[in-house]
Protein backbone atom coordinates (compact mmCIF):
# COMPACT_ATOMS: atom_id res chain seq x y z
CA MET A 1 97.06 121.56 104.24
CA SER A 2 93.88 122.79 102.61
CA TRP A 3 91.44 125.59 103.28
CA LYS A 4 87.88 126.32 102.36
CA SER A 5 87.17 128.97 99.75
CA PRO A 6 84.46 131.63 99.80
CA THR A 7 81.65 131.28 97.25
CA ASN A 8 83.18 133.83 94.88
CA LEU A 9 86.95 133.60 94.91
CA SER A 10 88.89 136.74 93.98
CA LEU A 11 92.45 136.48 92.66
CA HIS A 12 93.76 138.43 95.65
CA ALA A 13 92.00 136.17 98.14
CA TRP A 14 93.27 133.10 96.35
CA LEU A 15 96.86 134.34 96.39
CA VAL A 16 96.77 135.10 100.09
CA GLY A 17 95.37 131.68 100.97
CA ALA A 18 97.44 129.74 98.46
CA LEU A 19 100.68 131.31 99.61
CA ALA A 20 99.88 130.47 103.19
CA ALA A 21 99.21 126.85 102.25
CA ALA A 22 102.26 126.58 100.01
CA GLN A 23 104.67 128.03 102.54
CA GLY A 24 103.37 125.77 105.30
CA ALA A 25 104.71 127.99 108.10
CA VAL A 26 104.34 131.52 109.40
CA GLY A 27 107.24 133.88 108.97
CA LEU A 28 108.63 132.65 105.68
CA GLN A 29 109.28 135.29 103.06
CA THR A 30 106.45 135.79 100.58
CA PRO A 31 107.63 134.89 97.05
CA PRO A 32 107.51 137.61 94.38
CA VAL A 33 104.47 137.87 92.12
CA ILE A 34 105.30 138.60 88.47
CA ASP A 35 102.47 140.27 86.59
CA LEU A 36 102.47 139.39 82.90
CA PRO A 37 100.86 141.61 80.24
CA ALA A 38 97.08 141.58 79.89
CA LYS A 39 97.02 141.91 76.10
CA ASP A 40 97.81 138.91 73.90
CA ILE A 41 100.78 139.11 71.55
CA SER A 42 100.28 136.85 68.52
CA LEU A 43 103.02 134.29 67.84
CA SER A 44 103.50 132.33 64.63
CA ALA A 45 103.09 128.57 65.04
CA ASP A 46 105.52 127.77 62.22
CA LEU A 47 106.34 124.17 63.14
CA GLU A 48 108.53 122.04 60.88
CA LEU A 49 107.20 118.56 60.12
CA VAL A 50 109.83 115.94 61.03
CA TYR A 51 107.93 112.65 60.54
CA ARG A 52 104.61 110.85 60.88
CA LEU A 53 103.94 107.32 62.10
CA GLY A 54 100.93 105.02 61.93
CA SER A 55 97.60 105.24 60.04
CA ALA A 56 95.56 102.53 58.34
CA SER A 57 97.94 102.63 55.37
CA ALA A 58 101.05 101.78 57.41
CA THR A 59 102.84 98.76 55.92
CA ALA A 60 105.47 97.93 58.56
CA GLU A 61 104.08 95.66 61.27
CA TRP A 62 105.66 97.69 64.09
CA GLU A 63 103.84 100.81 62.81
CA GLN A 64 100.36 99.27 62.88
CA PHE A 65 99.27 100.75 66.18
CA SER A 66 96.06 99.82 67.99
CA SER A 67 95.78 102.58 70.61
CA ILE A 68 98.59 104.92 71.63
CA ARG A 69 98.12 105.62 75.33
CA SER A 70 101.26 107.67 75.97
CA VAL A 71 104.38 109.05 74.26
CA ALA A 72 107.65 110.45 75.63
CA PHE A 73 111.11 111.51 74.42
CA ASP A 74 114.52 110.69 75.85
CA GLY A 75 117.54 113.00 75.78
CA ALA A 76 118.71 111.71 72.39
CA GLY A 77 115.40 112.60 70.73
CA ASN A 78 114.17 109.00 70.55
CA LEU A 79 110.39 108.75 70.84
CA TYR A 80 108.78 106.01 72.95
CA LEU A 81 105.16 104.99 72.26
CA LEU A 82 103.01 102.88 74.58
CA ASP A 83 100.71 100.98 72.24
CA GLY A 84 97.70 98.97 73.37
CA THR A 85 94.44 99.62 75.16
CA ARG A 86 94.21 99.30 78.93
CA MET A 87 92.80 95.76 78.70
CA ALA A 88 94.51 94.87 75.41
CA THR A 89 95.43 91.41 74.21
CA THR A 90 98.60 92.92 72.74
CA SER A 91 100.66 95.78 74.12
CA SER A 92 104.26 96.97 73.89
CA VAL A 93 106.52 100.01 73.84
CA VAL A 94 107.84 101.01 70.39
CA VAL A 95 110.95 103.20 70.08
CA VAL A 96 111.89 105.28 67.04
CA ASP A 97 114.87 107.58 66.57
CA ALA A 98 114.87 111.35 65.97
CA THR A 99 114.07 110.82 62.28
CA GLY A 100 111.22 108.34 62.86
CA ARG A 101 113.16 105.15 62.05
CA TYR A 102 112.36 102.00 64.03
CA VAL A 103 114.87 101.25 66.79
CA ARG A 104 113.30 98.49 68.93
CA ASP A 105 110.25 97.47 70.88
CA PHE A 106 109.93 95.92 74.32
CA GLY A 107 107.29 94.62 76.70
CA ARG A 108 104.32 92.38 75.98
CA VAL A 109 101.05 91.25 77.50
CA GLY A 110 101.45 88.64 80.24
CA GLU A 111 101.38 87.87 83.94
CA GLY A 112 105.07 88.12 84.80
CA PRO A 113 107.52 90.95 85.51
CA GLY A 114 108.04 93.10 82.43
CA GLU A 115 104.74 91.83 81.02
CA PHE A 116 101.70 94.08 80.93
CA ARG A 117 98.23 93.30 82.26
CA ALA A 118 96.74 96.79 82.10
CA PRO A 119 99.34 99.43 81.09
CA THR A 120 98.17 102.96 81.82
CA GLN A 121 101.18 105.32 81.72
CA LEU A 122 104.63 105.53 80.15
CA VAL A 123 107.46 107.63 81.58
CA VAL A 124 110.93 107.99 80.04
CA TRP A 125 113.97 109.44 81.78
CA GLU A 126 116.54 111.50 79.91
CA ASP A 127 119.03 108.60 79.73
CA GLY A 128 116.48 106.30 78.04
CA ARG A 129 115.31 104.28 81.03
CA ALA A 130 111.56 103.71 80.79
CA LEU A 131 108.74 103.01 83.21
CA VAL A 132 105.33 101.52 82.45
CA GLU A 133 102.58 101.85 85.04
CA ASP A 134 100.45 98.70 85.24
CA MET A 135 97.13 99.00 87.05
CA MET A 136 96.36 95.27 87.26
CA HIS A 137 99.85 94.40 88.48
CA ALA A 138 99.60 97.26 91.03
CA ALA A 139 103.21 97.92 90.08
CA TYR A 140 105.59 99.75 87.75
CA HIS A 141 107.79 97.93 85.23
CA ILE A 142 111.27 99.48 84.84
CA PHE A 143 113.27 98.93 81.64
CA SER A 144 116.91 99.80 80.95
CA SER A 145 117.97 102.24 78.23
CA ASP A 146 118.39 99.31 75.80
CA GLY A 147 114.85 98.02 76.44
CA GLU A 148 115.76 95.14 78.76
CA PHE A 149 113.53 94.52 81.76
CA ALA A 150 115.28 95.75 84.90
CA ASP A 151 112.86 95.29 87.79
CA MET A 152 109.32 95.77 89.03
CA VAL A 153 108.46 98.33 91.71
CA ARG A 154 105.42 97.36 93.75
CA ASP A 155 102.79 99.75 95.00
CA SER A 156 101.44 97.71 97.91
CA GLY A 157 99.83 100.68 99.61
CA GLN A 158 97.67 101.65 96.65
CA GLY A 159 96.47 98.36 95.11
CA PHE A 160 94.07 99.10 92.29
CA GLY A 161 94.31 102.79 93.18
CA ILE A 162 97.63 102.98 91.36
CA THR A 163 96.10 105.30 88.76
CA SER A 164 95.65 107.96 91.45
CA ARG A 165 98.97 109.45 90.27
CA PRO A 166 98.02 110.76 86.82
CA GLY A 167 100.47 112.59 84.59
CA LEU A 168 103.71 111.34 86.15
CA ARG A 169 106.77 113.35 85.07
CA PRO A 170 110.43 112.26 85.23
CA GLU A 171 112.95 114.34 87.13
CA ARG A 172 116.03 115.15 85.09
CA THR A 173 118.45 114.56 87.96
CA GLY A 174 119.80 111.12 87.08
CA ALA A 175 117.87 109.60 89.98
CA ARG A 176 115.00 107.17 89.52
CA THR A 177 112.42 109.64 90.76
CA LEU A 178 109.17 111.04 89.40
CA ILE A 179 106.89 113.93 90.22
CA GLY A 180 103.18 113.20 90.34
CA ARG A 181 99.86 114.17 91.88
CA SER A 182 98.06 112.34 94.65
CA GLU A 183 94.68 113.88 95.49
CA ARG A 184 95.55 117.59 95.90
CA SER A 185 99.20 117.10 96.76
CA ILE A 186 102.24 117.11 94.52
CA VAL A 187 104.45 114.17 95.41
CA ARG A 188 107.91 112.83 94.65
CA VAL A 189 107.91 109.10 93.88
CA ASP A 190 111.15 107.16 94.38
CA MET A 191 111.47 104.06 92.18
CA SER A 192 114.94 102.99 93.33
CA SER A 193 113.86 99.96 95.39
CA GLU A 194 111.41 97.06 95.14
CA GLU A 195 108.60 99.07 96.73
CA LEU A 196 108.02 102.69 95.84
CA ALA A 197 108.41 105.48 98.37
CA GLU A 198 106.22 108.57 98.07
CA HIS A 199 106.89 111.92 99.74
CA THR A 200 104.74 115.05 99.61
CA VAL A 201 106.55 117.94 97.96
CA THR A 202 103.83 120.52 98.46
CA GLU A 203 100.17 120.67 99.40
CA VAL A 204 98.07 122.62 96.92
CA TRP A 205 94.94 124.68 97.39
CA ALA A 206 91.62 122.86 97.80
CA PRO A 207 88.51 124.71 96.56
CA HIS A 208 86.31 122.99 99.12
CA GLN A 209 86.94 121.05 102.30
CA ARG A 210 86.42 117.31 102.25
CA GLU A 211 85.95 115.52 105.53
CA GLU A 212 88.84 113.34 106.60
CA ASP A 213 87.83 109.68 106.91
CA PRO A 214 90.17 107.56 109.07
CA VAL A 215 88.30 104.35 108.13
CA ARG A 216 88.00 104.98 104.42
CA GLY A 217 88.23 101.29 103.63
CA ASN A 218 85.03 100.60 105.56
CA ARG A 219 82.87 103.14 103.76
CA GLU A 220 79.82 102.13 101.79
CA ILE A 221 80.11 102.39 97.99
CA ALA A 222 77.55 105.21 97.87
CA ASP A 223 79.59 107.25 100.37
CA VAL A 224 82.69 107.16 98.17
CA PHE A 225 80.88 109.32 95.59
CA ASP A 226 79.20 111.66 98.07
CA GLU A 227 80.71 114.74 96.41
CA VAL A 228 80.99 115.34 92.68
CA TRP A 229 81.95 118.89 91.78
CA GLY A 230 81.64 120.68 88.46
CA PHE A 231 84.32 123.13 87.30
CA GLU A 232 86.67 122.16 90.09
CA PRO A 233 90.16 123.45 89.15
CA ASP A 234 92.46 120.54 88.43
CA VAL A 235 96.00 120.33 89.81
CA LEU A 236 98.10 121.01 86.71
CA PHE A 237 101.86 120.56 87.01
CA ASP A 238 105.12 119.83 85.25
CA VAL A 239 108.84 119.59 86.01
CA LEU A 240 111.41 122.03 84.59
CA PRO A 241 114.97 121.04 83.61
CA SER A 242 116.25 123.01 86.62
CA GLY A 243 114.31 120.75 89.00
CA GLU A 244 111.70 123.43 89.66
CA ILE A 245 108.07 122.38 89.68
CA VAL A 246 105.37 124.54 88.11
CA PHE A 247 101.74 124.10 89.11
CA SER A 248 98.32 125.69 88.87
CA ASP A 249 95.57 124.81 91.33
CA SER A 250 92.90 127.52 91.17
CA SER A 251 90.40 129.13 88.82
CA ALA A 252 92.67 132.17 88.39
CA TYR A 253 95.48 132.62 85.87
CA ALA A 254 98.29 131.99 88.34
CA LEU A 255 101.28 129.67 88.04
CA LYS A 256 103.38 128.87 91.08
CA LEU A 257 106.99 127.74 90.70
CA THR A 258 108.76 125.89 93.47
CA ASP A 259 112.32 124.82 94.07
CA PRO A 260 112.90 121.03 94.20
CA SER A 261 111.99 121.00 97.91
CA GLY A 262 108.52 122.42 97.20
CA THR A 263 109.06 125.96 98.49
CA VAL A 264 107.27 128.47 96.25
CA SER A 265 109.85 130.85 94.77
CA ARG A 266 107.70 132.96 92.43
CA ILE A 267 104.21 133.30 91.02
CA LEU A 268 103.36 134.23 87.43
CA ARG A 269 99.92 135.64 86.72
CA ARG A 270 97.95 137.34 83.96
CA PRO A 271 94.87 139.53 84.60
CA ILE A 272 92.51 137.21 82.72
CA GLN A 273 89.29 136.68 84.63
CA PRO A 274 87.52 133.30 84.91
CA LEU A 275 84.15 132.91 83.23
CA PRO A 276 81.22 132.92 85.68
CA VAL A 277 79.32 129.64 85.70
CA THR A 278 75.75 129.98 84.37
CA ASP A 279 72.69 127.79 84.88
CA GLU A 280 73.03 126.57 81.29
CA MET A 281 76.65 125.55 81.95
CA ARG A 282 75.58 123.62 85.03
CA ARG A 283 72.83 121.80 83.15
CA ALA A 284 75.10 120.90 80.23
CA GLU A 285 77.93 119.74 82.48
CA ARG A 286 75.65 117.52 84.52
CA GLU A 287 74.14 115.94 81.40
CA HIS A 288 77.61 115.42 79.91
CA ARG A 289 78.94 113.69 83.03
CA VAL A 290 75.92 111.40 83.30
CA GLU A 291 75.89 110.49 79.61
CA THR A 292 79.65 109.84 79.54
CA ARG A 293 79.40 107.42 82.44
CA ARG A 294 76.33 105.65 81.10
CA SER A 295 77.88 105.10 77.68
CA ARG A 296 81.28 103.93 78.92
CA PRO A 297 81.74 100.24 78.03
CA ASP A 298 82.99 97.74 80.58
CA THR A 299 86.18 95.90 79.64
CA TRP A 300 87.36 92.72 81.30
CA ILE A 301 90.31 90.38 81.24
CA GLY A 302 88.67 86.98 81.24
CA THR A 303 85.10 86.32 82.36
CA PRO A 304 83.87 88.45 85.27
CA THR A 305 82.30 86.65 88.22
CA PRO A 306 78.76 87.51 89.37
CA GLU A 307 80.30 89.21 92.42
CA MET A 308 82.49 91.40 90.19
CA LEU A 309 79.53 92.35 88.01
CA ALA A 310 77.46 93.23 91.08
CA LEU A 311 80.24 95.42 92.46
CA VAL A 312 80.69 97.25 89.15
CA ASN A 313 76.96 97.89 88.87
CA GLU A 314 76.88 99.20 92.43
CA VAL A 315 79.73 101.61 91.66
CA LYS A 316 77.99 102.79 88.48
CA THR A 317 74.73 103.41 90.32
CA ALA A 318 76.47 105.35 93.08
CA TRP A 319 78.46 107.46 90.66
CA LEU A 320 75.42 108.31 88.54
CA ALA A 321 73.45 109.32 91.62
CA ALA A 322 76.29 111.60 92.71
CA ALA A 323 76.60 113.11 89.20
CA GLU A 324 72.89 113.84 89.02
CA ASN A 325 73.20 115.72 92.32
CA MET A 326 76.58 117.28 91.61
CA ARG A 327 77.59 120.62 93.04
CA PHE A 328 79.33 123.43 91.17
CA LEU A 329 81.95 126.05 91.78
CA SER A 330 81.14 129.58 90.65
CA GLU A 331 83.86 130.02 88.00
CA VAL A 332 85.34 128.15 85.04
CA PRO A 333 89.11 127.78 85.58
CA VAL A 334 91.14 129.95 83.20
CA ILE A 335 93.97 127.44 82.70
CA ALA A 336 93.20 124.14 80.98
CA ALA A 337 96.75 122.74 80.70
CA ALA A 338 100.30 123.68 81.71
CA ARG A 339 103.45 122.04 80.32
CA ALA A 340 107.17 122.68 80.46
CA THR A 341 109.22 122.37 77.28
CA TRP A 342 112.51 120.51 77.18
CA ASP A 343 114.37 123.83 77.32
CA GLY A 344 112.36 125.16 80.28
CA SER A 345 109.74 127.45 78.75
CA LEU A 346 106.12 127.14 79.89
CA TRP A 347 103.20 126.46 77.57
CA VAL A 348 99.96 127.46 79.25
CA GLN A 349 96.72 126.58 77.49
CA ARG A 350 93.67 128.65 78.35
CA SER A 351 90.22 127.12 78.57
CA THR A 352 87.33 127.88 76.24
CA GLU A 353 83.65 128.13 77.10
CA PRO A 354 82.30 124.82 78.46
CA GLY A 355 80.81 122.67 75.73
CA SER A 356 83.12 124.01 73.03
CA ASP A 357 85.16 121.47 71.06
CA GLU A 358 87.75 124.08 70.10
CA PRO A 359 91.10 123.98 71.96
CA GLY A 360 92.11 127.15 73.75
CA PRO A 361 95.06 129.41 72.85
CA ILE A 362 98.49 128.65 74.31
CA ASP A 363 100.58 131.29 76.08
CA VAL A 364 104.36 130.85 75.85
CA ILE A 365 106.34 132.01 78.89
CA MET A 366 110.13 131.94 78.62
CA PRO A 367 112.43 130.41 81.28
CA ASP A 368 113.11 133.87 82.74
CA GLY A 369 109.39 134.37 83.38
CA CYS A 370 108.78 136.79 80.49
CA TYR A 371 105.64 136.40 78.38
CA ALA A 372 106.67 135.74 74.76
CA GLY A 373 103.21 135.65 73.20
CA THR A 374 100.22 133.48 72.40
CA LEU A 375 99.82 130.68 69.86
CA GLU A 376 96.53 130.06 68.11
CA THR A 377 95.44 126.41 68.19
CA GLY A 378 93.03 124.46 66.02
CA THR A 379 95.13 125.19 62.94
CA ALA A 380 96.97 122.85 60.56
CA ALA A 381 100.26 123.97 62.09
CA LEU A 382 99.20 123.55 65.72
CA GLN A 383 96.05 121.56 66.42
CA ASP A 384 96.38 121.46 70.20
CA MET A 385 98.84 121.21 73.07
CA PRO A 386 101.64 118.73 72.23
CA ASP A 387 101.44 115.37 73.98
CA ALA A 388 105.22 115.34 74.57
CA PHE A 389 108.15 117.78 74.38
CA GLY A 390 111.64 116.60 73.48
CA PRO A 391 115.15 117.97 72.89
CA ASP A 392 116.07 120.18 69.94
CA GLY A 393 112.51 121.52 69.74
CA LEU A 394 110.86 118.16 69.02
CA VAL A 395 107.17 117.81 69.94
CA ALA A 396 104.82 114.86 69.42
CA PHE A 397 101.05 114.84 68.83
CA ILE A 398 98.76 111.81 69.18
CA GLY A 399 96.02 111.83 66.53
CA ALA A 400 94.00 109.49 64.34
CA ASP A 401 93.15 109.09 60.66
CA GLU A 402 89.67 108.85 59.11
CA PHE A 403 89.47 105.20 60.20
CA ASP A 404 90.28 106.12 63.82
CA VAL A 405 93.69 104.43 63.53
CA PRO A 406 96.41 106.17 65.61
CA VAL A 407 98.72 108.61 63.83
CA ILE A 408 101.71 110.16 65.60
CA THR A 409 103.00 113.44 64.20
CA VAL A 410 106.38 114.81 65.27
CA LYS A 411 107.27 118.41 64.54
CA ARG A 412 110.05 120.83 65.48
CA LEU A 413 109.46 124.14 67.24
CA PRO A 414 111.27 127.28 66.10
CA PRO A 415 113.85 128.45 68.69
CA GLU A 416 111.80 131.44 69.82
CA ILE A 417 109.01 129.28 71.30
CA ARG A 418 111.08 126.45 72.79
């Protein structure tokens, strides 16, 4: 379910509409709204360094990374690193223990099951089972907790659209299930058989109505990019240890928490207003989108055929035309990222003014819904939002040295911000 927003969306209007969409039926009890303090409380980002991996000076062969695409912890504190570019000639998953010592690696480039053609995501369950999403295989490789290939789960309904589920998160239930996003829905993905099964957990708010197209496969290339929107609020989500799902889907500072079935149980909000979008912001955003697409290199496995080159050029032309005529929402979303820690706290990163390279501050909300305070980012102690949270306060950051060689830094959070 989705509904069309007014031009200027107030927090109250959003809450009314979003609750109606989230509940999905009339007569269900409205979940409580918890208002968090308006004033920031400064927290100390005193993170203990545990270990670093990588860099141009790394001597061990396993530590000479080419491009770290994804990292994740298991329940024992082992860190898994997906190394290799999307169209790499070499790619594998490297595992280190809680002190940074090499444990094993698994996976390689190839055409068969357990071999990667275009790895795009890594997911690790608490017991150490791992999943690698492979765009070119249109499938997911599943590995056992000891790194042995277990099976391949096909995604026959999606084909090359497999990457339409960004940011997959494992459920900590013992089952082989994930939570992901498909368009503006949060979905549960079951990986327990040879072909995945996807079920909608909850529909989220849509800032504008897109026309349904029953014959989407027959559309012209130009029609696929008929709407490009600037400052559209992303669907941000994560999974808590309890099985709850937290998500944000509007320009307001509002976090909805659901039970595992998708029913919204509470809403956390802070009275922080979105920035109004100015003409200068629109101009800069349009130029940025166009320049990013024009400068993006094409990568191929093998030699592309003339038909493939023609199709790619047609897609580029259509996308650029849509970007040059893009439409804009009236506000810059307040929330830029939302993550759940291993212990169930929420880290909510606020956005900065468009065009700024500085990461926004991070609010820490405890498992009981109380606001603990705000962490300053862009410092030596905390550069940005962690790329992965693990047990015992472990967090991992993907970075690079002066030669643009990947460096992975693992630190430990103090108990009060876990």
